[in-house]
PDB file of N, CA and C in Angstrom:
ATOM      1  N   UNK A   1      44.823 -11.786-118.113  1.00  0.00           N
ATOM      2  CA  UNK A   1      44.624 -12.345-119.124  1.00  0.00           C
ATOM      3  C   UNK A   1      44.915 -11.452-120.329  1.00  0.00           C
ATOM      4  N   UNK A   2      45.603 -11.897-121.486  1.00  0.00           N
ATOM      5  CA  UNK A   2      45.614 -11.246-122.561  1.00  0.00           C
ATOM      6  C   UNK A   2      44.273 -10.955-123.321  1.00  0.00           C
ATOM      7  N   UNK A   3      44.205  -9.896-123.804  1.00  0.00           N
ATOM      8  CA  UNK A   3      42.735  -9.485-124.541  1.00  0.00           C
ATOM      9  C   UNK A   3      42.606  -9.812-125.878  1.00  0.00           C
ATOM     10  N   UNK A   4      41.581 -10.464-126.494  1.00  0.00           N
ATOM     11  CA  UNK A   4      41.400 -10.751-127.890  1.00  0.00           C
ATOM     12  C   UNK A   4      41.556  -9.421-128.969  1.00  0.00           C
ATOM     13  N   UNK A   5      40.870  -8.523-128.383  1.00  0.00           N
ATOM     14  CA  UNK A   5      40.973  -7.326-129.323  1.00  0.00           C
ATOM     15  C   UNK A   5      42.226  -6.662-129.141  1.00  0.00           C
ATOM     16  N   UNK A   6      42.829  -6.628-128.157  1.00  0.00           N
ATOM     17  CA  UNK A   6      44.198  -5.982-128.197  1.00  0.00           C
ATOM     18  C   UNK A   6      45.092  -6.953-129.135  1.00  0.00           C
ATOM     19  N   UNK A   7      45.215  -8.204-129.046  1.00  0.00           N
ATOM     20  CA  UNK A   7      46.197  -8.965-129.943  1.00  0.00           C
ATOM     21  C   UNK A   7      45.961  -8.607-131.225  1.00  0.00           C
ATOM     22  N   UNK A   8      44.538  -8.602-131.635  1.00  0.00           N
ATOM     23  CA  UNK A   8      44.036  -8.278-132.974  1.00  0.00           C
ATOM     24  C   UNK A   8      44.581  -7.143-133.444  1.00  0.00           C
ATOM     25  N   UNK A   9      44.446  -5.900-132.625  1.00  0.00           N
ATOM     26  CA  UNK A   9      44.978  -4.633-133.238  1.00  0.00           C
ATOM     27  C   UNK A   9      46.352  -4.497-133.204  1.00  0.00           C
ATOM     28  N   UNK A  10      47.124  -5.070-132.234  1.00  0.00           N
ATOM     29  CA  UNK A  10      48.237  -4.943-131.996  1.00  0.00           C
ATOM     30  C   UNK A  10      49.117  -5.714-133.314  1.00  0.00           C
ATOM     31  N   UNK A  11      48.468  -6.857-133.689  1.00  0.00           N
ATOM     32  CA  UNK A  11      49.078  -7.447-134.831  1.00  0.00           C
ATOM     33  C   UNK A  11      48.704  -6.983-136.291  1.00  0.00           C
ATOM     34  N   UNK A  12      47.946  -5.963-136.071  1.00  0.00           N
ATOM     35  CA  UNK A  12      47.257  -5.519-137.414  1.00  0.00           C
ATOM     36  C   UNK A  12      46.242  -6.345-138.350  1.00  0.00           C
ATOM     37  N   UNK A  13      45.564  -7.178-137.362  1.00  0.00           N
ATOM     38  CA  UNK A  13      44.562  -8.035-137.977  1.00  0.00           C
ATOM     39  C   UNK A  13      43.071  -7.343-138.288  1.00  0.00           C
ATOM     40  N   UNK A  14      42.818  -6.460-137.262  1.00  0.00           N
ATOM     41  CA  UNK A  14      41.444  -5.515-137.325  1.00  0.00           C
ATOM     42  C   UNK A  14      40.438  -6.556-136.504  1.00  0.00           C
ATOM     43  N   UNK A  15      39.385  -6.500-137.057  1.00  0.00           N
ATOM     44  CA  UNK A  15      38.229  -7.062-136.155  1.00  0.00           C
ATOM     45  C   UNK A  15      38.212  -8.671-136.521  1.00  0.00           C
ATOM     46  N   UNK A  16      38.192  -9.351-135.687  1.00  0.00           N
ATOM     47  CA  UNK A  16      38.316 -10.927-136.159  1.00  0.00           C
ATOM     48  C   UNK A  16      37.030 -11.442-135.403  1.00  0.00           C
ATOM     49  N   UNK A  17      36.194 -10.713-134.719  1.00  0.00           N
ATOM     50  CA  UNK A  17      34.883 -11.226-134.286  1.00  0.00           C
ATOM     51  C   UNK A  17      33.983 -11.460-135.323  1.00  0.00           C
ATOM     52  N   UNK A  18      34.079 -11.052-136.558  1.00  0.00           N
ATOM     53  CA  UNK A  18      33.192 -11.124-137.390  1.00  0.00           C
ATOM     54  C   UNK A  18      32.782 -12.530-137.847  1.00  0.00           C
ATOM     55  N   UNK A  19      31.521 -13.029-138.214  1.00  0.00           N
ATOM     56  CA  UNK A  19      31.154 -14.273-138.649  1.00  0.00           C
ATOM     57  C   UNK A  19      31.465 -14.472-140.037  1.00  0.00           C
ATOM     58  N   UNK A  20      32.827 -14.545-140.331  1.00  0.00           N
ATOM     59  CA  UNK A  20      33.291 -14.827-141.679  1.00  0.00           C
ATOM     60  C   UNK A  20      34.439 -15.414-141.668  1.00  0.00           C
ATOM     61  N   UNK A  21      34.259 -16.596-142.681  1.00  0.00           N
ATOM     62  CA  UNK A  21      35.271 -17.457-142.806  1.00  0.00           C
ATOM     63  C   UNK A  21      36.083 -17.473-144.253  1.00  0.00           C
ATOM     64  N   UNK A  22      36.025 -16.419-144.954  1.00  0.00           N
ATOM     65  CA  UNK A  22      36.583 -16.113-146.127  1.00  0.00           C
ATOM     66  C   UNK A  22      37.982 -15.556-146.034  1.00  0.00           C
ATOM     67  N   UNK A  23      38.702 -16.025-146.855  1.00  0.00           N
ATOM     68  CA  UNK A  23      40.427 -15.675-146.653  1.00  0.00           C
ATOM     69  C   UNK A  23      41.205 -16.061-145.563  1.00  0.00           C
ATOM     70  N   UNK A  24      41.931 -15.340-145.273  1.00  0.00           N
ATOM     71  CA  UNK A  24      42.698 -15.687-143.968  1.00  0.00           C
ATOM     72  C   UNK A  24      42.279 -15.317-142.667  1.00  0.00           C
ATOM     73  N   UNK A  25      41.148 -14.844-142.487  1.00  0.00           N
ATOM     74  CA  UNK A  25      40.350 -14.480-141.372  1.00  0.00           C
ATOM     75  C   UNK A  25      40.234 -15.629-140.239  1.00  0.00           C
ATOM     76  N   UNK A  26      39.884 -16.790-140.659  1.00  0.00           N
ATOM     77  CA  UNK A  26      39.828 -17.883-139.668  1.00  0.00           C
ATOM     78  C   UNK A  26      41.429 -18.301-139.041  1.00  0.00           C
ATOM     79  N   UNK A  27      42.221 -18.218-140.143  1.00  0.00           N
ATOM     80  CA  UNK A  27      43.470 -18.650-139.666  1.00  0.00           C
ATOM     81  C   UNK A  27      44.250 -17.555-138.629  1.00  0.00           C
ATOM     82  N   UNK A  28      44.001 -16.297-138.960  1.00  0.00           N
ATOM     83  CA  UNK A  28      44.388 -15.002-137.996  1.00  0.00           C
ATOM     84  C   UNK A  28      43.628 -15.481-136.650  1.00  0.00           C
ATOM     85  N   UNK A  29      42.287 -15.709-136.782  1.00  0.00           N
ATOM     86  CA  UNK A  29      41.571 -15.828-135.429  1.00  0.00           C
ATOM     87  C   UNK A  29      42.204 -17.051-134.781  1.00  0.00           C
ATOM     88  N   UNK A  30      42.439 -18.080-135.463  1.00  0.00           N
ATOM     89  CA  UNK A  30      42.973 -19.261-134.684  1.00  0.00           C
ATOM     90  C   UNK A  30      44.416 -19.184-134.050  1.00  0.00           C
ATOM     91  N   UNK A  31      45.047 -18.150-134.947  1.00  0.00           N
ATOM     92  CA  UNK A  31      46.474 -17.861-134.247  1.00  0.00           C
ATOM     93  C   UNK A  31      46.245 -17.056-132.935  1.00  0.00           C
ATOM     94  N   UNK A  32      45.220 -16.008-132.886  1.00  0.00           N
ATOM     95  CA  UNK A  32      45.216 -15.182-131.865  1.00  0.00           C
ATOM     96  C   UNK A  32      44.753 -16.020-130.602  1.00  0.00           C
ATOM     97  N   UNK A  33      43.837 -17.095-130.950  1.00  0.00           N
ATOM     98  CA  UNK A  33      43.418 -18.117-129.886  1.00  0.00           C
ATOM     99  C   UNK A  33      44.531 -18.945-129.388  1.00  0.00           C
ATOM    100  N   UNK A  34      45.481 -19.364-130.136  1.00  0.00           N
ATOM    101  CA  UNK A  34      46.492 -20.083-129.892  1.00  0.00           C
ATOM    102  C   UNK A  34      47.489 -19.346-128.956  1.00  0.00           C
ATOM    103  N   UNK A  35      47.748 -18.041-129.135  1.00  0.00           N
ATOM    104  CA  UNK A  35      48.510 -17.141-128.526  1.00  0.00           C
ATOM    105  C   UNK A  35      47.938 -16.807-127.061  1.00  0.00           C
ATOM    106  N   UNK A  36      46.492 -16.716-126.895  1.00  0.00           N
ATOM    107  CA  UNK A  36      45.666 -16.660-125.850  1.00  0.00           C
ATOM    108  C   UNK A  36      45.826 -17.938-124.871  1.00  0.00           C
ATOM    109  N   UNK A  37      45.681 -19.053-125.531  1.00  0.00           N
ATOM    110  CA  UNK A  37      45.767 -20.290-124.775  1.00  0.00           C
ATOM    111  C   UNK A  37      47.267 -20.564-124.124  1.00  0.00           C
ATOM    112  N   UNK A  38      48.197 -20.229-124.919  1.00  0.00           N
ATOM    113  CA  UNK A  38      49.576 -20.226-124.685  1.00  0.00           C
ATOM    114  C   UNK A  38      49.739 -19.504-123.255  1.00  0.00           C
ATOM    115  N   UNK A  39      49.109 -18.293-123.214  1.00  0.00           N
ATOM    116  CA  UNK A  39      49.398 -17.422-122.461  1.00  0.00           C
ATOM    117  C   UNK A  39      48.383 -17.509-120.890  1.00  0.00           C
ATOM    118  N   UNK A  40      47.510 -18.172-121.416  1.00  0.00           N
ATOM    119  CA  UNK A  40      46.048 -18.313-120.191  1.00  0.00           C
ATOM    120  C   UNK A  40      45.665 -19.475-119.836  1.00  0.00           C
ATOM    121  N   UNK A  41      45.423 -20.375-121.123  1.00  0.00           N
ATOM    122  CA  UNK A  41      45.040 -21.756-121.009  1.00  0.00           C
ATOM    123  C   UNK A  41      43.651 -21.952-120.593  1.00  0.00           C
ATOM    124  N   UNK A  42      42.557 -21.199-121.072  1.00  0.00           N
ATOM    125  CA  UNK A  42      41.198 -21.375-120.587  1.00  0.00           C
ATOM    126  C   UNK A  42      40.413 -21.074-121.747  1.00  0.00           C
ATOM    127  N   UNK A  43      39.929 -22.172-122.434  1.00  0.00           N
ATOM    128  CA  UNK A  43      39.137 -22.228-123.713  1.00  0.00           C
ATOM    129  C   UNK A  43      37.872 -21.224-123.418  1.00  0.00           C
ATOM    130  N   UNK A  44      37.285 -21.586-122.558  1.00  0.00           N
ATOM    131  CA  UNK A  44      36.067 -20.810-122.157  1.00  0.00           C
ATOM    132  C   UNK A  44      36.202 -19.455-122.300  1.00  0.00           C
ATOM    133  N   UNK A  45      37.047 -18.623-121.561  1.00  0.00           N
ATOM    134  CA  UNK A  45      37.283 -17.381-121.475  1.00  0.00           C
ATOM    135  C   UNK A  45      37.771 -16.748-122.761  1.00  0.00           C
ATOM    136  N   UNK A  46      38.573 -17.532-123.381  1.00  0.00           N
ATOM    137  CA  UNK A  46      39.144 -17.146-124.889  1.00  0.00           C
ATOM    138  C   UNK A  46      37.770 -16.992-125.746  1.00  0.00           C
ATOM    139  N   UNK A  47      36.653 -18.037-125.680  1.00  0.00           N
ATOM    140  CA  UNK A  47      35.691 -18.106-126.347  1.00  0.00           C
ATOM    141  C   UNK A  47      34.604 -16.929-126.099  1.00  0.00           C
ATOM    142  N   UNK A  48      34.531 -16.555-124.890  1.00  0.00           N
ATOM    143  CA  UNK A  48      33.765 -15.577-124.345  1.00  0.00           C
ATOM    144  C   UNK A  48      34.300 -14.140-125.022  1.00  0.00           C
ATOM    145  N   UNK A  49      35.561 -13.996-124.782  1.00  0.00           N
ATOM    146  CA  UNK A  49      36.147 -12.791-125.546  1.00  0.00           C
ATOM    147  C   UNK A  49      36.099 -12.558-127.054  1.00  0.00           C
ATOM    148  N   UNK A  50      36.112 -13.975-127.643  1.00  0.00           N
ATOM    149  CA  UNK A  50      35.967 -13.687-129.150  1.00  0.00           C
ATOM    150  C   UNK A  50      34.489 -14.001-129.661  1.00  0.00           C
ATOM    151  N   UNK A  51      33.565 -14.136-128.907  1.00  0.00           N
ATOM    152  CA  UNK A  51      32.489 -14.601-129.205  1.00  0.00           C
ATOM    153  C   UNK A  51      32.226 -15.870-129.875  1.00  0.00           C
ATOM    154  N   UNK A  52      32.818 -16.799-129.524  1.00  0.00           N
ATOM    155  CA  UNK A  52      32.689 -18.141-130.002  1.00  0.00           C
ATOM    156  C   UNK A  52      32.676 -19.146-129.028  1.00  0.00           C
ATOM    157  N   UNK A  53      32.199 -20.389-129.117  1.00  0.00           N
ATOM    158  CA  UNK A  53      31.932 -21.368-127.971  1.00  0.00           C
ATOM    159  C   UNK A  53      33.399 -21.831-127.550  1.00  0.00           C
ATOM    160  N   UNK A  54      33.707 -22.533-126.472  1.00  0.00           N
ATOM    161  CA  UNK A  54      34.899 -23.037-126.115  1.00  0.00           C
ATOM    162  C   UNK A  54      35.305 -24.268-127.063  1.00  0.00           C
ATOM    163  N   UNK A  55      34.392 -24.852-127.666  1.00  0.00           N
ATOM    164  CA  UNK A  55      34.570 -26.096-128.529  1.00  0.00           C
ATOM    165  C   UNK A  55      35.342 -25.657-129.815  1.00  0.00           C
ATOM    166  N   UNK A  56      34.775 -24.530-130.246  1.00  0.00           N
ATOM    167  CA  UNK A  56      35.150 -23.726-131.437  1.00  0.00           C
ATOM    168  C   UNK A  56      36.563 -23.382-131.396  1.00  0.00           C
ATOM    169  N   UNK A  57      36.659 -22.718-130.089  1.00  0.00           N
ATOM    170  CA  UNK A  57      38.278 -22.165-130.105  1.00  0.00           C
ATOM    171  C   UNK A  57      39.229 -23.581-129.674  1.00  0.00           C
ATOM    172  N   UNK A  58      38.753 -24.611-128.916  1.00  0.00           N
ATOM    173  CA  UNK A  58      39.674 -25.665-128.736  1.00  0.00           C
ATOM    174  C   UNK A  58      40.031 -26.296-130.309  1.00  0.00           C
ATOM    175  N   UNK A  59      39.077 -26.513-130.978  1.00  0.00           N
ATOM    176  CA  UNK A  59      39.383 -26.802-132.541  1.00  0.00           C
ATOM    177  C   UNK A  59      40.215 -25.974-133.224  1.00  0.00           C
ATOM    178  N   UNK A  60      39.862 -24.669-133.039  1.00  0.00           N
ATOM    179  CA  UNK A  60      40.980 -23.786-133.977  1.00  0.00           C
ATOM    180  C   UNK A  60      42.366 -23.862-133.405  1.00  0.00           C
ATOM    181  N   UNK A  61      42.412 -23.885-132.086  1.00  0.00           N
ATOM    182  CA  UNK A  61      44.038 -24.081-131.485  1.00  0.00           C
ATOM    183  C   UNK A  61      44.666 -25.090-131.924  1.00  0.00           C
ATOM    184  N   UNK A  62      43.879 -26.394-131.948  1.00  0.00           N
ATOM    185  CA  UNK A  62      44.417 -27.566-132.614  1.00  0.00           C
ATOM    186  C   UNK A  62      44.934 -27.444-134.074  1.00  0.00           C
ATOM    187  N   UNK A  63      43.700 -26.910-134.793  1.00  0.00           N
ATOM    188  CA  UNK A  63      44.109 -26.923-136.339  1.00  0.00           C
ATOM    189  C   UNK A  63      45.240 -25.920-136.404  1.00  0.00           C
ATOM    190  N   UNK A  64      45.117 -24.579-135.911  1.00  0.00           N
ATOM    191  CA  UNK A  64      46.484 -23.843-136.019  1.00  0.00           C
ATOM    192  C   UNK A  64      47.821 -24.476-135.729  1.00  0.00           C
ATOM    193  N   UNK A  65      47.856 -25.127-134.710  1.00  0.00           N
ATOM    194  CA  UNK A  65      48.895 -25.819-134.032  1.00  0.00           C
ATOM    195  C   UNK A  65      49.406 -26.857-135.131  1.00  0.00           C
ATOM    196  N   UNK A  66      48.543 -27.607-135.545  1.00  0.00           N
ATOM    197  CA  UNK A  66      48.843 -28.523-136.698  1.00  0.00           C
ATOM    198  C   UNK A  66      49.479 -28.008-137.877  1.00  0.00           C
ATOM    199  N   UNK A  67      48.692 -26.882-138.233  1.00  0.00           N
ATOM    200  CA  UNK A  67      49.408 -26.288-139.433  1.00  0.00           C
ATOM    201  C   UNK A  67      50.828 -25.587-139.253  1.00  0.00           C
ATOM    202  N   UNK A  68      51.012 -24.905-138.215  1.00  0.00           N
ATOM    203  CA  UNK A  68      52.260 -24.286-137.680  1.00  0.00           C
ATOM    204  C   UNK A  68      53.473 -25.518-137.687  1.00  0.00           C
ATOM    205  N   UNK A  69      53.056 -26.680-137.018  1.00  0.00           N
ATOM    206  CA  UNK A  69      54.006 -27.795-136.872  1.00  0.00           C
ATOM    207  C   UNK A  69      54.375 -28.347-137.994  1.00  0.00           C
ATOM    208  N   UNK A  70      53.500 -28.320-139.312  1.00  0.00           N
ATOM    209  CA  UNK A  70      53.752 -28.971-140.331  1.00  0.00           C
ATOM    210  C   UNK A  70      54.310 -28.148-141.315  1.00  0.00           C
ATOM    211  N   UNK A  71      54.624 -26.824-141.026  1.00  0.00           N
ATOM    212  CA  UNK A  71      55.536 -25.905-141.766  1.00  0.00           C
ATOM    213  C   UNK A  71      54.637 -25.018-142.728  1.00  0.00           C
ATOM    214  N   UNK A  72      53.554 -24.867-142.386  1.00  0.00           N
ATOM    215  CA  UNK A  72      52.539 -24.214-143.194  1.00  0.00           C
ATOM    216  C   UNK A  72      53.023 -22.608-143.335  1.00  0.00           C
ATOM    217  N   UNK A  73      53.119 -22.275-144.516  1.00  0.00           N
ATOM    218  CA  UNK A  73      53.800 -20.863-144.802  1.00  0.00           C
ATOM    219  C   UNK A  73      52.932 -19.653-144.203  1.00  0.00           C
ATOM    220  N   UNK A  74      51.698 -19.921-144.456  1.00  0.00           N
ATOM    221  CA  UNK A  74      50.655 -18.694-144.117  1.00  0.00           C
ATOM    222  C   UNK A  74      50.532 -18.816-142.621  1.00  0.00           C
ATOM    223  N   UNK A  75      50.541 -19.964-142.038  1.00  0.00           N
ATOM    224  CA  UNK A  75      50.372 -19.992-140.572  1.00  0.00           C
ATOM    225  C   UNK A  75      51.572 -19.428-139.950  1.00  0.00           C
ATOM    226  N   UNK A  76      52.865 -19.715-140.346  1.00  0.00           N
ATOM    227  CA  UNK A  76      54.143 -19.030-139.996  1.00  0.00           C
ATOM    228  C   UNK A  76      54.260 -17.607-140.145  1.00  0.00           C
ATOM    229  N   UNK A  77      53.709 -17.424-141.004  1.00  0.00           N
ATOM    230  CA  UNK A  77      53.716 -15.822-141.275  1.00  0.00           C
ATOM    231  C   UNK A  77      52.990 -14.866-140.249  1.00  0.00           C
ATOM    232  N   UNK A  78      51.614 -15.554-140.155  1.00  0.00           N
ATOM    233  CA  UNK A  78      50.573 -15.052-139.253  1.00  0.00           C
ATOM    234  C   UNK A  78      51.086 -14.932-137.785  1.00  0.00           C
ATOM    235  N   UNK A  79      51.855 -16.275-137.448  1.00  0.00           N
ATOM    236  CA  UNK A  79      52.325 -16.272-136.097  1.00  0.00           C
ATOM    237  C   UNK A  79      53.352 -15.342-135.818  1.00  0.00           C
ATOM    238  N   UNK A  80      54.369 -14.931-136.964  1.00  0.00           N
ATOM    239  CA  UNK A  80      55.496 -14.122-136.755  1.00  0.00           C
ATOM    240  C   UNK A  80      54.779 -12.644-136.483  1.00  0.00           C
ATOM    241  N   UNK A  81      53.627 -12.252-136.899  1.00  0.00           N
ATOM    242  CA  UNK A  81      53.129 -10.941-136.782  1.00  0.00           C
ATOM    243  C   UNK A  81      52.654 -10.939-135.344  1.00  0.00           C
ATOM    244  N   UNK A  82      52.095 -11.928-134.771  1.00  0.00           N
ATOM    245  CA  UNK A  82      51.715 -12.006-133.556  1.00  0.00           C
ATOM    246  C   UNK A  82      53.089 -11.900-132.387  1.00  0.00           C
ATOM    247  N   UNK A  83      53.917 -12.583-132.830  1.00  0.00           N
ATOM    248  CA  UNK A  83      55.169 -12.609-131.942  1.00  0.00           C
ATOM    249  C   UNK A  83      56.044 -11.131-132.071  1.00  0.00           C
ATOM    250  N   UNK A  84      55.668 -10.688-133.020  1.00  0.00           N
ATOM    251  CA  UNK A  84      56.397  -9.094-133.027  1.00  0.00           C
ATOM    252  C   UNK A  84      55.938  -8.198-132.217  1.00  0.00           C
ATOM    253  N   UNK A  85      54.657  -8.386-131.605  1.00  0.00           N
ATOM    254  CA  UNK A  85      54.010  -7.500-130.674  1.00  0.00           C
ATOM    255  C   UNK A  85      54.972  -7.196-129.534  1.00  0.00           C
TER     256      UNK A  85
END
């Protein structure tokens, strides 16, 4: 399974386990969850690694996917950083 902390560090996002909803931290966290879900597909395990519930992860993956699919520039920019790893 892809490791939450490894993706965060490799993409240059830093620590996204913090309980912070300011700025683009939630979007970056959701992008990492989306990447992990695409690679592994288990909300529960992703939640355990990131210190969140499976429901929070599921909602975050949906939200990020919706933003990305509608062409949100910030979501696309964050996703490109993850894809460059």
